[in-house]
Amino acid sequence: VCFFDEEEMRLLHELAGDIAFALDHIEKANKVDYLAYYDQLTGLANRSLFLERLSQIVHATRIAGDEIALVLADVERFRTVNDSLGRQAGDSLLEQVAERLARGADAGKLARISGDVFAIVLQGAKGRSGAERKIEGVWRDVFGEPFPIGKSDIRVSAKAGVALFPGDGADAEALLRNAEAALRLAKETGERHVFHAPEMTEKSAEILTLETKLRRALEN
């Protein structure tokens, strides 16, 4: 027995269509929001969301009078894995690195900020020696065992650039910028961990000024 007449059924069908459209719109909007703040491959925060979270962490750390270390980890041999075994293998490696990082750290203090670079906030790092001990512990947990990629077990490690708060930056952007400068030096020198030093920022400024002058010279 049908409890609705023809007109009521037509209205119900229209209402169902409107609800389906609204749900689809909400799903798409949620997906756009997700992609704006999270890395699609690993599910970790991307650079934008991480900067927001880092700002909150810095603010709380300043109030507490504590110290933190911002560590940027650049996965070694990632390009080799990508080129020799394929992009799927490279993606698998990054996913496994993210999973191992998440086992020992709060997800709110982790991010994938670029291709093969992960950001990690280590709280309670008392100076360089304290930060180094914490970094060594993370490296053992994440890179101590090989990564199963296809039929192979691959061993990789990472270079690290480190900036300490409050000494190496008064806010999140300065801290991230200085950690990136330290990471660049680690990759240039081959050192495992490089801590930020003021001369790195000065050198970066000099390089930027030189690049600007060269660009203007070419234009002229």
Protein backbone atom coordinates (compact mmCIF):
# COMPACT_ATOMS: atom_id res chain seq x y z
CA VAL A 1 0.00 0.00 0.00
CA CYS A 2 1.38 3.39 -0.97
CA PHE A 3 0.84 6.04 1.72
CA PHE A 4 1.79 8.93 -0.62
CA ASP A 5 -0.09 10.21 -3.64
CA GLU A 6 1.61 11.02 -6.94
CA GLU A 7 2.34 14.66 -6.05
CA GLU A 8 3.86 13.72 -2.70
CA MET A 9 6.03 11.05 -4.35
CA ARG A 10 7.30 13.61 -6.85
CA LEU A 11 8.23 15.97 -4.01
CA LEU A 12 9.97 13.16 -2.13
CA HIS A 13 12.04 12.28 -5.22
CA GLU A 14 13.02 15.94 -5.64
CA LEU A 15 13.96 16.14 -1.95
CA ALA A 16 16.05 12.97 -2.23
CA GLY A 17 17.84 14.44 -5.25
CA ASP A 18 18.53 17.69 -3.35
CA ILE A 19 19.92 15.77 -0.37
CA ALA A 20 22.15 13.64 -2.62
CA PHE A 21 23.46 16.80 -4.32
CA ALA A 22 24.13 18.47 -0.95
CA LEU A 23 25.96 15.40 0.39
CA ASP A 24 28.09 15.21 -2.76
CA HIS A 25 28.92 18.92 -2.43
CA ILE A 26 29.89 18.47 1.24
CA GLU A 27 32.07 15.46 0.38
CA LYS A 28 33.88 17.40 -2.35
CA ALA A 29 34.33 20.43 -0.08
CA ASN A 30 35.75 18.21 2.67
CA LYS A 31 38.15 16.65 0.17
CA VAL A 32 39.34 20.07 -0.99
CA ASP A 33 39.87 21.14 2.63
CA TYR A 34 41.79 17.91 3.32
CA LEU A 35 44.08 18.37 0.32
CA ALA A 36 44.72 21.97 1.36
CA TYR A 37 46.18 20.90 4.70
CA TYR A 38 47.27 17.27 4.46
CA ASP A 39 49.70 15.30 2.36
CA GLN A 40 47.64 12.90 0.26
CA LEU A 41 50.29 10.15 0.20
CA THR A 42 51.20 9.88 3.89
CA GLY A 43 48.23 11.53 5.59
CA LEU A 44 50.59 13.78 7.54
CA ALA A 45 50.19 17.53 7.71
CA ASN A 46 51.55 19.48 4.74
CA ARG A 47 53.72 22.58 5.00
CA SER A 48 50.79 25.00 5.44
CA LEU A 49 49.14 23.10 8.29
CA PHE A 50 52.49 22.34 9.90
CA LEU A 51 53.38 26.04 10.05
CA GLU A 52 50.08 26.72 11.81
CA ARG A 53 50.71 23.92 14.30
CA LEU A 54 54.32 24.97 14.80
CA SER A 55 53.17 28.50 15.63
CA GLN A 56 50.91 27.08 18.36
CA ILE A 57 53.71 24.88 19.70
CA VAL A 58 56.15 27.80 19.76
CA HIS A 59 53.62 29.95 21.61
CA ALA A 60 52.99 27.26 24.23
CA THR A 61 56.72 26.56 24.58
CA ARG A 62 57.47 30.25 25.13
CA ILE A 63 54.87 30.46 27.91
CA ALA A 64 56.21 27.29 29.54
CA GLY A 65 59.81 28.49 29.28
CA ASP A 66 60.74 25.22 27.60
CA GLU A 67 62.83 24.36 24.53
CA ILE A 68 62.05 22.50 21.31
CA ALA A 69 64.05 21.23 18.36
CA LEU A 70 62.68 21.43 14.84
CA VAL A 71 64.23 18.63 12.79
CA LEU A 72 63.96 18.41 9.01
CA ALA A 73 64.80 14.92 7.75
CA ASP A 74 65.75 14.48 4.09
CA VAL A 75 65.49 10.79 3.12
CA GLU A 76 68.71 9.65 1.48
CA ARG A 77 68.72 7.62 -1.76
CA PHE A 78 65.05 8.45 -2.35
CA ARG A 79 65.72 9.59 -5.91
CA THR A 80 67.72 6.42 -6.59
CA VAL A 81 64.82 4.27 -5.35
CA ASN A 82 62.39 6.29 -7.45
CA ASP A 83 64.52 6.11 -10.60
CA SER A 84 65.60 2.48 -10.33
CA LEU A 85 62.50 0.81 -8.87
CA GLY A 86 59.78 3.19 -10.00
CA ARG A 87 57.56 5.82 -8.46
CA GLN A 88 55.40 3.23 -6.71
CA ALA A 89 58.47 2.01 -4.81
CA GLY A 90 59.40 5.58 -3.90
CA ASP A 91 55.88 6.23 -2.63
CA SER A 92 56.00 3.04 -0.57
CA LEU A 93 59.27 4.15 1.02
CA LEU A 94 57.81 7.53 1.99
CA GLU A 95 54.68 5.90 3.40
CA GLN A 96 56.76 3.55 5.55
CA VAL A 97 58.97 6.38 6.82
CA ALA A 98 55.82 8.31 7.78
CA GLU A 99 54.36 5.26 9.55
CA ARG A 100 57.53 4.69 11.58
CA LEU A 101 57.76 8.37 12.52
CA ALA A 102 54.13 8.32 13.67
CA ARG A 103 54.78 5.34 15.98
CA GLY A 104 57.03 7.36 18.24
CA ALA A 105 55.67 10.88 17.89
CA ASP A 106 52.47 12.85 18.13
CA ALA A 107 51.02 13.22 14.61
CA GLY A 108 50.45 16.91 15.39
CA LYS A 109 54.22 17.36 15.54
CA LEU A 110 54.95 15.68 12.20
CA ALA A 111 54.64 16.76 8.58
CA ARG A 112 55.81 16.03 5.08
CA ILE A 113 56.76 19.50 3.91
CA SER A 114 58.16 18.59 0.48
CA GLY A 115 59.00 15.59 -1.72
CA ASP A 116 61.27 13.58 0.58
CA VAL A 117 61.56 15.97 3.53
CA PHE A 118 59.78 15.33 6.81
CA ALA A 119 59.47 17.79 9.70
CA ILE A 120 59.58 16.61 13.32
CA VAL A 121 59.14 18.69 16.47
CA LEU A 122 61.02 17.32 19.48
CA GLN A 123 59.90 18.86 22.76
CA GLY A 124 62.02 19.12 25.88
CA ALA A 125 65.25 19.24 23.87
CA LYS A 126 67.79 20.72 26.27
CA GLY A 127 70.38 22.33 24.01
CA ARG A 128 72.27 20.63 21.22
CA SER A 129 73.35 17.63 23.25
CA GLY A 130 69.78 16.92 24.36
CA ALA A 131 68.49 17.37 20.81
CA GLU A 132 71.18 15.07 19.41
CA ARG A 133 70.20 12.29 21.81
CA LYS A 134 66.55 12.62 20.82
CA ILE A 135 67.42 12.66 17.10
CA GLU A 136 69.57 9.55 17.44
CA GLY A 137 66.64 7.80 19.11
CA VAL A 138 64.28 8.77 16.27
CA TRP A 139 66.81 7.65 13.66
CA ARG A 140 67.17 4.24 15.35
CA ASP A 141 63.41 3.76 15.45
CA VAL A 142 62.81 4.88 11.88
CA PHE A 143 65.92 3.90 9.94
CA GLY A 144 67.37 1.13 12.11
CA GLU A 145 65.62 -1.62 10.16
CA PRO A 146 65.45 -2.03 6.37
CA PHE A 147 62.33 -1.06 4.45
CA PRO A 148 60.58 -3.85 2.50
CA ILE A 149 60.08 -2.53 -1.02
CA GLY A 150 58.63 -5.12 -3.39
CA LYS A 151 60.84 -8.19 -3.13
CA SER A 152 63.79 -6.25 -1.70
CA ASP A 153 64.78 -4.90 1.70
CA ILE A 154 66.29 -1.44 1.33
CA ARG A 155 68.33 0.38 3.95
CA VAL A 156 68.18 4.16 3.91
CA SER A 157 68.90 6.92 6.38
CA ALA A 158 68.40 10.67 6.36
CA LYS A 159 70.26 13.93 6.63
CA ALA A 160 68.95 16.34 9.25
CA GLY A 161 68.84 20.10 9.57
CA VAL A 162 68.03 21.28 13.08
CA ALA A 163 66.88 24.62 14.53
CA LEU A 164 66.36 25.11 18.26
CA PHE A 165 63.77 27.32 19.91
CA PRO A 166 64.23 29.89 21.29
CA GLY A 167 67.82 30.36 20.16
CA ASP A 168 67.41 29.84 16.40
CA GLY A 169 64.14 31.62 15.74
CA ALA A 170 61.51 33.63 17.59
CA ASP A 171 58.60 32.37 15.51
CA ALA A 172 57.56 29.37 13.42
CA GLU A 173 58.56 30.80 10.04
CA ALA A 174 62.04 31.81 11.23
CA LEU A 175 62.52 28.43 12.89
CA LEU A 176 61.51 26.55 9.72
CA ARG A 177 63.63 28.80 7.51
CA ASN A 178 66.70 28.25 9.69
CA ALA A 179 66.16 24.49 9.85
CA GLU A 180 66.03 24.47 6.04
CA ALA A 181 69.32 26.38 5.89
CA ALA A 182 70.90 23.78 8.20
CA LEU A 183 69.51 20.94 6.06
CA ARG A 184 71.02 22.45 2.91
CA LEU A 185 74.43 22.48 4.59
CA ALA A 186 73.99 18.88 5.78
CA LYS A 187 73.34 17.79 2.20
CA GLU A 188 76.29 19.80 0.90
CA THR A 189 78.76 18.52 3.49
CA GLY A 190 77.43 14.99 3.92
CA GLU A 191 77.11 15.41 7.70
CA ARG A 192 74.26 13.47 9.34
CA HIS A 193 72.99 16.29 11.56
CA VAL A 194 73.68 20.00 11.15
CA PHE A 195 72.46 22.59 13.65
CA HIS A 196 71.62 26.08 12.49
CA ALA A 197 74.20 28.80 13.00
CA PRO A 198 73.79 32.57 12.36
CA GLU A 199 76.35 32.54 9.54
CA MET A 200 74.07 30.23 7.52
CA THR A 201 71.37 32.90 7.40
CA GLU A 202 73.98 35.51 6.43
CA LYS A 203 75.28 33.23 3.66
CA SER A 204 71.75 32.64 2.35
CA ALA A 205 71.16 36.40 2.26
CA GLU A 206 74.43 36.92 0.37
CA ILE A 207 73.51 34.24 -2.19
CA LEU A 208 70.04 35.78 -2.67
CA THR A 209 71.59 39.24 -3.19
CA LEU A 210 74.08 37.83 -5.70
CA GLU A 211 71.33 35.99 -7.60
CA THR A 212 69.30 39.21 -7.77
CA LYS A 213 72.28 41.16 -9.11
CA LEU A 214 73.03 38.49 -11.72
CA ARG A 215 69.39 38.43 -12.83
CA ARG A 216 69.37 42.20 -13.24
CA ALA A 217 72.68 42.04 -15.13
CA LEU A 218 71.21 39.47 -17.55
CA GLU A 219 68.12 41.62 -18.06
CA ASN A 220 70.30 44.63 -18.85
